[in-house]
Structure formats: C-alpha cells, structure tokens
Amino acid sequence: MKSHALLFLALVTVLAAQDKPKDPFVKDKKAATAAPAAAAEPEPDVPEAPKNVLCFIETFTLSHTDYAALLDAPEGQDKLYSHVQAAVKTGTAKLDGCHLMTNKSGTRSTLESVDELIYPTEWTPADRTGSQYPTAFEMRQLGDKFEFEPTLDDENGTLNITHEFSRDRLLGIRLFKADATLAGVPVVDVFARRGPSSCRMIPGFPTLISTLNDVQPGIITLVFATAQVITLKAPKEPAAKSKSNLMLTARVISIDRMKGWELLKKHAMEGGACLAELKPMLAAKEATLEHLATINTQSGVRATHESGLLYTYGTEYAPPTEGVPAQPSDDPKKPGTPARPAGLAGTTAFEQRSTGFRLEVEPTRSADNAFSDLTLAPEFVRMTGNLKDKNWNEHYPEVPLFSNQKITTGYTQVIGTTTLIGTMNPPGDTGANEHKDEGRMWLLFMDVNQE
C-alpha cells in the first residue's frame, strides 16, 4: 500500500506540472520555444552608375544701359538669360564666347583659349647711351581661361561649383623711364578680368556666375554657366571580360560660333548625335576637320600622341659690349693689353616649344568592361609670329607669340561610344599683335573602343 501511495503522489505531481497556467505574454508555447528564424541574406551591392558633369559657358557682351534695362524689366532677374538670348537675336548683345567642358564630381578641370605673351622682367644696367637689354622673361596668358570643380550633392541633386572665368587683354606696350632724358624700357599693360567664386547650381538652369567690365567704358560681359549631370548607362549586354587594348580616337572639328552655339544647345549631352549632325556640314564644307588621331593603349597606361614642329627660340641673351682701346704696359718686360673691338648682342640659351596637336591620355577600364575612366590633356599650339609693337625696339631680341588651345580634365565614358568632351576654341580678341576674334568654335570628340 505504501508503494502505491507514493506512485499516486508522483502522478498527481506530474499532472499538476502539465496543467500549469500559460504565461500571459506568450501566445504560443511552441512559438516561444522554437528556434529563431534564420536572418535574411543581404542583397548584393549594386554599383552606382557613373556620372559626368558637363558645364556650358556662354559670354554675352552688351552696354551697361541695356543690361540695366534687362534687370529692371518685369521678372528681370528670373528671366535674365532668356532676355539676353533675345538681345543677341536683335543685335543689342553679342555672343563673344562659347565653351564646353566635361568632367566628374570632385575633379578640377581647366580650359584655355589663350595667346601666351612672353615679356621681359629684368634688364641689364644702362650703357653710356642709356640702352638696356632684357635678361629674364615671364609669360602671361591673354584670352579666355576657365577653371571648374563641381561637387554633386547626392541628397538634393544640386551642384556646388568652385569656378574662375578670366579674360585678359593686352592694351599695349609703353616705355618706362628711369631717367626722363633716356629712351626707357618697354613694359606691358594688361587689362585683367576675372571672377573666382563658388556657388550652388541647379542642373539644367543657366546661372549668371560673374560679370566682367570691358576695356571700353560702359560695356559689360555677362558670364553664364549651365551645368548638367549625365548618368551613364551600361550596355544591355554585358561585355565579355577582356584584357585587350583600348582604341582611342580624337576628332577636332571647327564650326562657326553661332552655328556651334545652336548645335550645343541641342546636342551637348549627346556626343554621337552631335557628331552625326556635323558630318553633313563637313561634306558641305560648313565645318572643318582640324585634327584626327588614334591611340592604341592598354588600360591604366599613360599614352601620348604628338605631331607638330619643335620651335626653337632664344631665352637668354648677352648684351652688346663697348670696344676697349689698347692699354700699354707700365712694365717694359710685360706686354700691354691689346685693343678689344666692340661686341654685338648674342643669344646664350635656347628652349624648344612643341607646336601642333598633342594628346596625352590615360584610360582605365572598369571591372565589368562597360566603362573607361579617362584623364586627358589635349592641346593645339601654334606660333603666330614675333611680338610686334612700336615701342619694341628693333635692337631687342625676337620674342615669339604662341597661341594655346587646351583642355585638362577627367571623365567616364561608355566603351563603344562617342563623347563630346568639350571645346578647344582659338583665342578671341587678345590685343597681342592685333589678334582679332575669328568667331569660330572647335569641338573635341572622343571614340573609345576595345581592340
């Protein structure tokens, strides 16, 4: 009996344990004791599509009076750009500059459309006639120069732009005299205009980034910049991974500025479409193919194409020397000093400048073979003659005047496409050697293909 009683008590205890009330915060006992569900696998990272930033620069020159009237017109500030375009069509404003450049967020790029003025900064002491001769030189760029560094704000899509547009012009050469009775030495007078600044820009909206006063009183130049963000799309069919070479072909095509202006307003973001529209104009001789060059190189390798004359010119000079008569010796055992005739001016050092077309480029292919990042510096240099001025004495050395059309930038391109990189325009009215504005625009295209 005793053993049966103990068995009964044990059974009651087990049943009581099973009938224990449920935890009110646990709805399902099985769910409470079940193993936690496995964490969801993270989605694979999708690389962000590369983006380029395109900047379109337009300069319009008009009178102060007309500019003030545009500002005071209804909605003058908001509609200033459209009013200026209308003024160009009516002839009260002039489009005297039109530049384009492609780069990437965080990349500083430069565009130069200049004459390079070489001028003396140091002279020899004056001789007995007051004449002096140059011994050291410096160089100043005359014309349009644009520096541009955009930073894309990923949150709101705006661009923060650090920029400087400059336009310098030679007014002439005048004589500076240490003694009013002497001829003096030539010094250059340069009218400098620039407006370095930083501003926020909304892509696609023309923004007035600076104004430049003109040499002529009462005239002003408005500098508008229009920035665009271009998101590149990879080909639908992924390219096969390859270690083949990259074939880079650069084309430079010149066109009348007004025609080029209208063309860029339509196709600045579409290099292939822009080139397609230019081809009939090339056939009709309304446009000119200035340069064409192909570079075959490996990814990640810096390559150069260069074609042009190496122009040699003097950089250091010896001034003329006066004659010295013979000097008899005071010692009969030693000979006297013979006479030394007068010496002419001479050149003691030279430099060489590469003229013609030059392209320095480094392409880097992406891992998926869809894109290529390029850093490049194409330029065209020509020697336009020696410096001329009524105050540049014929006894002074010949100083060459070089013209330079250059872009330095970096951007991304879809392999197998054509991109309009920017403009390599001839210098405008720089004042050097009476250089006048040609009114033309040079467009630079780049084809990138795999060999």
Protein backbone atom coordinates (compact mmCIF):
# COMPACT_ATOMS: atom_id res chain seq x y z
CA MET A 1 0.00 0.00 0.00
CA LYS A 2 2.79 2.35 0.83
CA SER A 3 4.37 1.97 -2.59
CA HIS A 4 1.03 2.53 -4.34
CA ALA A 5 0.51 5.76 -2.35
CA LEU A 6 3.91 7.09 -3.41
CA LEU A 7 3.20 6.27 -7.07
CA PHE A 8 -0.14 8.11 -6.84
CA LEU A 9 1.50 11.23 -5.41
CA ALA A 10 4.15 11.26 -8.14
CA LEU A 11 1.47 11.00 -10.84
CA VAL A 12 -0.51 13.87 -9.34
CA THR A 13 2.65 16.00 -9.24
CA VAL A 14 3.38 15.40 -12.96
CA LEU A 15 -0.21 16.22 -13.94
CA ALA A 16 -0.15 19.39 -11.86
CA ALA A 17 3.02 20.45 -13.65
CA GLN A 18 1.35 19.91 -17.04
CA ASP A 19 -1.71 21.96 -16.07
CA LYS A 20 0.39 24.96 -15.02
CA PRO A 21 -1.19 28.19 -16.33
CA LYS A 22 0.32 29.68 -19.56
CA ASP A 23 2.45 32.80 -19.49
CA PRO A 24 0.02 35.60 -20.48
CA PHE A 25 2.79 37.28 -22.60
CA VAL A 26 3.42 34.13 -24.66
CA LYS A 27 0.62 33.33 -27.07
CA ASP A 28 2.03 30.10 -28.39
CA LYS A 29 4.19 27.89 -26.24
CA LYS A 30 5.72 26.26 -29.36
CA ALA A 31 6.47 29.64 -30.85
CA ALA A 32 8.11 30.70 -27.59
CA THR A 33 10.40 27.71 -27.53
CA ALA A 34 11.03 27.45 -31.31
CA ALA A 35 14.45 28.31 -32.68
CA PRO A 36 14.73 31.86 -34.07
CA ALA A 37 14.23 32.20 -37.83
CA ALA A 38 17.38 32.49 -39.91
CA ALA A 39 18.37 36.07 -40.78
CA ALA A 40 17.56 37.13 -44.34
CA GLU A 41 20.57 37.16 -46.65
CA PRO A 42 21.72 40.70 -47.55
CA GLU A 43 21.06 41.77 -51.10
CA PRO A 44 24.17 42.06 -53.23
CA ASP A 45 25.52 45.60 -53.64
CA VAL A 46 24.63 47.13 -56.99
CA PRO A 47 27.37 49.53 -58.14
CA GLU A 48 26.15 53.07 -58.60
CA ALA A 49 26.00 54.22 -62.20
CA PRO A 50 28.88 56.60 -63.00
CA LYS A 51 28.04 60.25 -63.58
CA ASN A 52 29.68 63.03 -65.55
CA VAL A 53 29.21 66.75 -65.04
CA LEU A 54 29.01 68.93 -68.15
CA CYS A 55 29.48 72.71 -67.93
CA PHE A 56 28.44 75.04 -70.75
CA ILE A 57 29.87 78.59 -70.62
CA GLU A 58 28.37 81.48 -72.61
CA THR A 59 29.66 85.05 -72.56
CA PHE A 60 27.47 87.91 -73.79
CA THR A 61 28.72 91.49 -74.17
CA LEU A 62 26.35 94.47 -74.12
CA SER A 63 26.14 98.02 -72.84
CA HIS A 64 25.60 98.94 -69.20
CA THR A 65 22.40 100.70 -70.21
CA ASP A 66 20.94 97.62 -71.91
CA TYR A 67 21.98 95.37 -69.02
CA ALA A 68 20.33 97.69 -66.50
CA ALA A 69 17.14 97.71 -68.61
CA LEU A 70 17.07 93.89 -68.63
CA LEU A 71 17.46 93.81 -64.85
CA ASP A 72 14.67 96.36 -64.35
CA ALA A 73 12.26 94.60 -66.68
CA PRO A 74 9.41 92.56 -65.16
CA GLU A 75 10.92 89.38 -63.71
CA GLY A 76 14.26 90.70 -64.85
CA GLN A 77 16.37 88.55 -62.53
CA ASP A 78 14.39 85.36 -63.21
CA LYS A 79 14.24 85.79 -66.98
CA LEU A 80 17.63 87.44 -67.50
CA TYR A 81 19.06 84.59 -69.56
CA SER A 82 16.10 84.43 -71.96
CA HIS A 83 16.14 88.22 -72.30
CA VAL A 84 19.87 88.16 -73.14
CA GLN A 85 19.30 85.48 -75.80
CA ALA A 86 16.60 87.66 -77.34
CA ALA A 87 19.02 90.61 -77.28
CA VAL A 88 21.55 88.54 -79.25
CA LYS A 89 18.95 87.93 -81.96
CA THR A 90 18.09 91.64 -82.14
CA GLY A 91 21.77 92.65 -82.20
CA THR A 92 21.90 94.58 -78.91
CA ALA A 93 24.07 91.88 -77.31
CA LYS A 94 26.91 89.80 -78.76
CA LEU A 95 27.83 86.19 -78.09
CA ASP A 96 31.64 86.53 -77.93
CA GLY A 97 32.49 83.28 -76.16
CA CYS A 98 31.07 79.75 -76.03
CA HIS A 99 32.94 76.99 -74.18
CA LEU A 100 32.09 73.45 -73.06
CA MET A 101 33.83 71.03 -70.70
CA THR A 102 33.03 67.54 -69.33
CA ASN A 103 34.40 66.22 -66.05
CA LYS A 104 33.35 64.38 -62.87
CA SER A 105 32.24 65.42 -59.39
CA GLY A 106 35.30 66.32 -57.33
CA THR A 107 37.54 66.77 -60.40
CA ARG A 108 39.17 70.11 -61.14
CA SER A 109 39.36 70.89 -64.84
CA THR A 110 40.79 73.75 -66.86
CA LEU A 111 40.06 75.15 -70.29
CA GLU A 112 42.45 77.55 -72.03
CA SER A 113 41.83 79.62 -75.15
CA VAL A 114 44.80 81.99 -74.97
CA ASP A 115 47.72 83.78 -76.55
CA GLU A 116 50.88 83.41 -74.47
CA LEU A 117 52.57 86.79 -74.05
CA ILE A 118 56.30 86.45 -73.24
CA TYR A 119 57.68 89.73 -71.91
CA PRO A 120 60.93 90.87 -70.20
CA THR A 121 61.04 91.44 -66.44
CA GLU A 122 64.76 92.06 -65.86
CA TRP A 123 67.20 94.23 -67.78
CA THR A 124 70.94 94.89 -67.94
CA PRO A 125 72.28 98.14 -66.49
CA ALA A 126 72.14 101.01 -68.97
CA ASP A 127 75.18 101.70 -71.11
CA ARG A 128 76.50 105.18 -71.83
CA THR A 129 73.74 105.76 -74.38
CA GLY A 130 71.04 104.65 -71.93
CA SER A 131 70.29 101.41 -73.78
CA GLN A 132 69.32 98.30 -71.81
CA TYR A 133 68.77 94.67 -72.85
CA PRO A 134 66.45 92.02 -71.38
CA THR A 135 67.93 89.24 -69.23
CA ALA A 136 64.81 87.48 -67.82
CA PHE A 137 61.28 86.85 -69.09
CA GLU A 138 57.86 85.81 -67.81
CA MET A 139 54.69 84.63 -69.58
CA ARG A 140 51.09 85.78 -69.21
CA GLN A 141 48.04 84.19 -70.82
CA LEU A 142 45.77 86.52 -72.76
CA GLY A 143 42.24 85.44 -73.66
CA ASP A 144 39.69 83.13 -72.01
CA LYS A 145 40.57 80.70 -69.25
CA PHE A 146 38.07 78.71 -67.16
CA GLU A 147 38.73 76.60 -64.05
CA PHE A 148 35.89 74.46 -62.78
CA GLU A 149 35.42 71.97 -59.92
CA PRO A 150 31.89 70.62 -59.28
CA THR A 151 30.71 68.65 -56.25
CA LEU A 152 27.42 66.78 -56.62
CA ASP A 153 25.08 66.82 -53.61
CA ASP A 154 23.55 63.31 -53.65
CA GLU A 155 20.72 64.32 -51.28
CA ASN A 156 19.10 67.04 -53.36
CA GLY A 157 20.86 66.69 -56.75
CA THR A 158 22.33 70.21 -56.79
CA LEU A 159 25.91 71.07 -57.68
CA ASN A 160 28.33 73.10 -55.62
CA ILE A 161 30.66 74.80 -58.08
CA THR A 162 34.07 76.34 -57.45
CA HIS A 163 34.98 78.31 -60.56
CA GLU A 164 37.03 81.09 -62.11
CA PHE A 165 36.50 82.59 -65.54
CA SER A 166 39.18 85.06 -66.63
CA ARG A 167 39.66 87.14 -69.76
CA ASP A 168 42.86 89.20 -70.06
CA ARG A 169 43.73 91.56 -72.91
CA LEU A 170 46.93 93.33 -73.88
CA LEU A 171 46.37 97.08 -74.10
CA GLY A 172 49.84 97.77 -75.47
CA ILE A 173 53.49 98.34 -74.66
CA ARG A 174 54.73 101.61 -73.19
CA LEU A 175 58.19 102.87 -72.30
CA PHE A 176 59.16 103.16 -68.66
CA LYS A 177 61.94 105.66 -67.96
CA ALA A 178 64.29 105.72 -65.01
CA ASP A 179 65.61 108.99 -66.43
CA ALA A 180 63.28 111.24 -68.39
CA THR A 181 66.10 112.11 -70.82
CA LEU A 182 66.64 108.46 -71.81
CA ALA A 183 64.64 106.16 -74.05
CA GLY A 184 63.44 103.82 -71.30
CA VAL A 185 62.49 100.14 -71.48
CA PRO A 186 59.23 98.60 -72.73
CA VAL A 187 56.67 97.31 -70.20
CA VAL A 188 53.34 95.64 -70.97
CA ASP A 189 49.92 96.96 -69.93
CA VAL A 190 47.38 94.15 -69.45
CA PHE A 191 43.68 94.65 -68.71
CA ALA A 192 42.86 91.76 -66.35
CA ARG A 193 39.33 90.47 -65.71
CA ARG A 194 38.41 87.52 -63.52
CA GLY A 195 35.76 86.46 -61.03
CA PRO A 196 36.78 83.50 -58.82
CA SER A 197 33.86 82.33 -56.68
CA SER A 198 31.79 79.38 -55.50
CA CYS A 199 28.06 78.94 -55.96
CA ARG A 200 25.26 76.38 -55.92
CA MET A 201 23.71 75.44 -59.25
CA ILE A 202 20.60 73.51 -60.21
CA PRO A 203 21.39 71.19 -63.13
CA GLY A 204 19.91 72.43 -66.40
CA PHE A 205 19.34 76.05 -65.30
CA PRO A 206 21.62 78.80 -66.73
CA THR A 207 23.28 80.72 -63.89
CA LEU A 208 24.99 84.12 -64.06
CA ILE A 209 28.33 83.33 -62.37
CA SER A 210 30.18 86.63 -62.95
CA THR A 211 30.29 89.89 -64.85
CA LEU A 212 33.37 91.45 -66.45
CA ASN A 213 33.81 95.12 -67.22
CA ASP A 214 35.19 95.86 -70.65
CA VAL A 215 38.18 97.91 -71.71
CA GLN A 216 35.73 100.26 -73.37
CA PRO A 217 33.79 102.24 -70.71
CA GLY A 218 30.09 101.47 -70.47
CA ILE A 219 30.42 97.88 -71.76
CA ILE A 220 29.92 94.73 -69.68
CA THR A 221 30.25 90.99 -70.29
CA LEU A 222 27.88 88.50 -68.64
CA VAL A 223 29.24 85.01 -67.96
CA PHE A 224 26.54 82.32 -67.80
CA ALA A 225 27.19 78.70 -66.80
CA THR A 226 24.79 75.80 -67.33
CA ALA A 227 25.70 72.54 -65.59
CA GLN A 228 24.24 69.14 -66.40
CA VAL A 229 24.61 65.82 -64.57
CA ILE A 230 24.81 62.91 -67.04
CA THR A 231 24.15 59.43 -65.66
CA LEU A 232 25.86 56.84 -67.84
CA LYS A 233 24.08 53.62 -68.77
CA ALA A 234 25.98 50.39 -69.27
CA PRO A 235 25.22 48.35 -72.40
CA LYS A 236 22.26 45.93 -72.08
CA GLU A 237 24.50 43.01 -72.94
CA PRO A 238 27.46 42.88 -70.54
CA ALA A 239 30.80 42.97 -72.30
CA ALA A 240 32.98 39.91 -72.13
CA LYS A 241 35.88 40.33 -69.73
CA SER A 242 38.93 41.16 -71.76
CA LYS A 243 42.49 42.33 -71.41
CA SER A 244 42.56 43.70 -74.94
CA ASN A 245 43.82 47.15 -75.84
CA LEU A 246 41.70 50.28 -75.88
CA MET A 247 41.44 52.23 -79.13
CA LEU A 248 41.01 55.97 -78.53
CA THR A 249 40.23 58.24 -81.48
CA ALA A 250 40.11 62.01 -81.03
CA ARG A 251 38.48 64.32 -83.62
CA VAL A 252 38.57 68.10 -83.57
CA ILE A 253 36.01 69.84 -85.77
CA SER A 254 35.72 73.60 -86.19
CA ILE A 255 32.50 75.46 -86.94
CA ASP A 256 31.13 79.00 -86.95
CA ARG A 257 30.44 80.07 -83.37
CA MET A 258 26.77 80.92 -83.84
CA LYS A 259 26.08 77.61 -85.60
CA GLY A 260 28.03 75.76 -82.94
CA TRP A 261 26.09 77.57 -80.22
CA GLU A 262 22.79 76.33 -81.62
CA LEU A 263 24.23 72.84 -82.07
CA LEU A 264 25.43 72.61 -78.47
CA LYS A 265 22.08 73.77 -77.12
CA LYS A 266 20.56 70.69 -78.80
CA HIS A 267 23.26 68.00 -78.50
CA ALA A 268 25.79 69.00 -75.84
CA MET A 269 24.93 65.88 -73.82
CA GLU A 270 24.85 63.51 -76.81
CA GLY A 271 28.22 63.18 -78.47
CA GLY A 272 27.08 60.67 -81.09
CA ALA A 273 24.10 62.77 -82.16
CA CYS A 274 26.23 65.92 -82.28
CA LEU A 275 28.85 64.26 -84.46
CA ALA A 276 26.15 62.81 -86.74
CA GLU A 277 24.75 66.31 -87.35
CA LEU A 278 28.22 67.66 -88.08
CA LYS A 279 29.04 65.09 -90.79
CA PRO A 280 26.76 66.63 -93.47
CA MET A 281 28.23 70.02 -92.55
CA LEU A 282 31.74 68.62 -93.09
CA ALA A 283 30.68 67.35 -96.52
CA ALA A 284 29.24 70.77 -97.36
CA LYS A 285 32.43 72.48 -96.03
CA GLU A 286 30.40 74.35 -93.43
CA ALA A 287 32.64 72.68 -90.84
CA THR A 288 36.32 71.67 -90.94
CA LEU A 289 38.05 68.57 -89.58
CA GLU A 290 41.06 70.18 -87.89
CA HIS A 291 42.68 67.10 -86.33
CA LEU A 292 42.23 63.33 -86.23
CA ALA A 293 44.38 60.97 -84.12
CA THR A 294 44.12 57.39 -82.79
CA ILE A 295 45.96 55.96 -79.78
CA ASN A 296 46.17 52.20 -79.11
CA THR A 297 47.00 51.58 -75.44
CA GLN A 298 46.39 49.26 -72.52
CA SER A 299 44.12 50.08 -69.61
CA GLY A 300 45.93 52.04 -66.89
CA VAL A 301 48.77 53.11 -69.18
CA ARG A 302 49.50 56.75 -69.97
CA ALA A 303 49.92 57.37 -73.70
CA THR A 304 50.74 60.37 -75.88
CA HIS A 305 50.15 61.42 -79.47
CA GLU A 306 52.24 64.35 -80.70
CA SER A 307 52.53 65.85 -84.18
CA GLY A 308 54.00 69.25 -84.93
CA LEU A 309 57.12 71.35 -85.30
CA LEU A 310 59.54 71.77 -82.39
CA TYR A 311 60.03 75.52 -82.47
CA THR A 312 63.40 76.71 -81.10
CA TYR A 313 63.77 80.22 -79.70
CA GLY A 314 66.19 82.19 -77.56
CA THR A 315 65.62 82.66 -73.83
CA GLU A 316 68.89 84.21 -72.59
CA TYR A 317 70.96 86.91 -74.27
CA ALA A 318 74.30 88.67 -74.00
CA PRO A 319 74.10 92.44 -74.47
CA PRO A 320 76.45 94.26 -76.86
CA THR A 321 79.77 95.36 -75.39
CA GLU A 322 81.71 98.55 -76.00
CA GLY A 323 85.16 98.49 -77.57
CA VAL A 324 88.23 98.90 -75.36
CA PRO A 325 91.38 100.62 -76.71
CA ALA A 326 94.79 99.06 -76.31
CA GLN A 327 96.48 99.59 -72.95
CA PRO A 328 100.30 99.87 -72.92
CA SER A 329 102.12 98.11 -70.13
CA ASP A 330 103.92 100.05 -67.38
CA ASP A 331 106.46 97.25 -67.16
CA PRO A 332 108.73 97.00 -70.23
CA LYS A 333 109.13 93.29 -69.52
CA LYS A 334 105.34 92.63 -69.81
CA PRO A 335 103.27 93.14 -72.95
CA GLY A 336 100.40 95.60 -72.92
CA THR A 337 96.71 94.75 -73.27
CA PRO A 338 95.59 94.66 -76.89
CA ALA A 339 92.52 96.57 -78.04
CA ARG A 340 89.18 94.76 -77.83
CA PRO A 341 86.65 95.58 -80.52
CA ALA A 342 83.01 96.25 -79.70
CA GLY A 343 80.86 93.13 -79.38
CA LEU A 344 77.41 92.59 -80.79
CA ALA A 345 74.42 91.24 -78.89
CA GLY A 346 74.17 87.44 -78.84
CA THR A 347 71.96 84.56 -77.77
CA THR A 348 73.35 82.34 -74.98
CA ALA A 349 70.48 79.88 -74.29
CA PHE A 350 67.57 78.34 -76.18
CA GLU A 351 64.35 76.46 -75.47
CA GLN A 352 62.03 74.37 -77.63
CA ARG A 353 58.26 74.52 -77.76
CA SER A 354 56.14 71.72 -79.24
CA THR A 355 53.65 73.16 -81.71
CA GLY A 356 50.82 71.35 -83.45
CA PHE A 357 48.38 68.86 -81.94
CA ARG A 358 49.22 66.91 -78.79
CA LEU A 359 47.06 64.44 -76.83
CA GLU A 360 48.10 62.96 -73.50
CA VAL A 361 45.60 60.42 -72.11
CA GLU A 362 45.31 57.62 -69.55
CA PRO A 363 42.26 55.30 -69.80
CA THR A 364 41.29 52.87 -67.02
CA ARG A 365 38.76 50.16 -67.86
CA SER A 366 36.12 49.22 -65.26
CA ALA A 367 35.90 45.69 -63.80
CA ASP A 368 32.79 44.88 -65.87
CA ASN A 369 34.38 46.18 -69.10
CA ALA A 370 31.48 48.58 -69.60
CA PHE A 371 33.18 51.91 -68.80
CA SER A 372 36.52 53.63 -69.07
CA ASP A 373 37.73 56.43 -66.80
CA LEU A 374 39.90 58.87 -68.74
CA THR A 375 42.26 61.62 -67.67
CA LEU A 376 43.47 63.63 -70.62
CA ALA A 377 45.09 66.87 -71.73
CA PRO A 378 44.61 67.61 -75.45
CA GLU A 379 46.11 70.84 -76.80
CA PHE A 380 46.90 72.66 -80.00
CA VAL A 381 49.80 75.14 -80.07
CA ARG A 382 50.85 77.41 -82.90
CA MET A 383 53.46 80.12 -83.27
CA THR A 384 51.66 83.22 -84.58
CA GLY A 385 54.69 85.46 -85.14
CA ASN A 386 57.11 87.53 -83.11
CA LEU A 387 55.91 90.19 -80.69
CA LYS A 388 55.26 93.45 -82.51
CA ASP A 389 54.80 96.94 -81.13
CA LYS A 390 56.01 100.43 -81.99
CA ASN A 391 57.80 100.56 -78.62
CA TRP A 392 59.58 97.24 -79.12
CA ASN A 393 62.96 98.46 -80.38
CA GLU A 394 64.44 96.72 -83.40
CA HIS A 395 67.61 96.09 -81.36
CA TYR A 396 65.70 93.97 -78.83
CA PRO A 397 65.60 90.17 -79.33
CA GLU A 398 62.83 88.39 -81.22
CA VAL A 399 60.14 87.18 -78.81
CA PRO A 400 57.69 84.56 -80.17
CA LEU A 401 53.95 84.75 -79.56
CA PHE A 402 52.34 81.31 -79.08
CA SER A 403 48.63 80.51 -79.21
CA ASN A 404 47.39 77.66 -76.98
CA GLN A 405 44.03 75.82 -77.13
CA LYS A 406 43.90 73.26 -74.32
CA ILE A 407 41.64 71.19 -72.05
CA THR A 408 42.76 69.34 -68.90
CA THR A 409 40.05 67.11 -67.42
CA GLY A 410 38.90 63.67 -66.32
CA TYR A 411 35.59 61.92 -67.04
CA THR A 412 33.96 58.49 -67.59
CA GLN A 413 32.89 57.09 -70.97
CA VAL A 414 30.89 54.04 -72.00
CA ILE A 415 33.14 51.80 -74.08
CA GLY A 416 31.94 51.63 -77.67
CA THR A 417 30.51 55.17 -77.76
CA THR A 418 31.40 58.70 -78.87
CA THR A 419 31.59 61.53 -76.30
CA LEU A 420 31.75 65.27 -76.84
CA ILE A 421 34.44 66.21 -74.31
CA GLY A 422 34.42 69.95 -74.84
CA THR A 423 35.70 72.89 -76.86
CA MET A 424 39.26 73.84 -77.86
CA ASN A 425 38.50 77.31 -79.19
CA PRO A 426 41.00 79.70 -80.78
CA PRO A 427 41.73 82.81 -78.69
CA GLY A 428 39.46 85.78 -79.19
CA ASP A 429 40.38 89.47 -79.22
CA THR A 430 43.55 89.32 -77.05
CA GLY A 431 45.22 92.52 -78.27
CA ALA A 432 48.55 90.74 -78.90
CA ASN A 433 49.88 91.52 -82.40
CA GLU A 434 46.42 92.97 -83.13
CA HIS A 435 44.91 89.48 -82.85
CA LYS A 436 41.19 89.61 -83.65
CA ASP A 437 38.37 87.21 -82.80
CA GLU A 438 37.91 84.54 -85.50
CA GLY A 439 34.33 83.81 -84.42
CA ARG A 440 34.86 80.03 -84.57
CA MET A 441 34.44 77.12 -82.19
CA TRP A 442 36.45 73.86 -82.07
CA LEU A 443 34.66 70.73 -80.81
CA LEU A 444 36.61 67.77 -79.40
CA PHE A 445 35.09 64.26 -79.73
CA MET A 446 36.46 61.00 -78.34
CA ASP A 447 35.68 57.46 -79.52
CA VAL A 448 36.56 54.66 -77.07
CA ASN A 449 36.51 51.05 -78.30
CA GLN A 450 38.08 47.74 -77.41
CA GLU A 451 40.54 46.37 -79.94
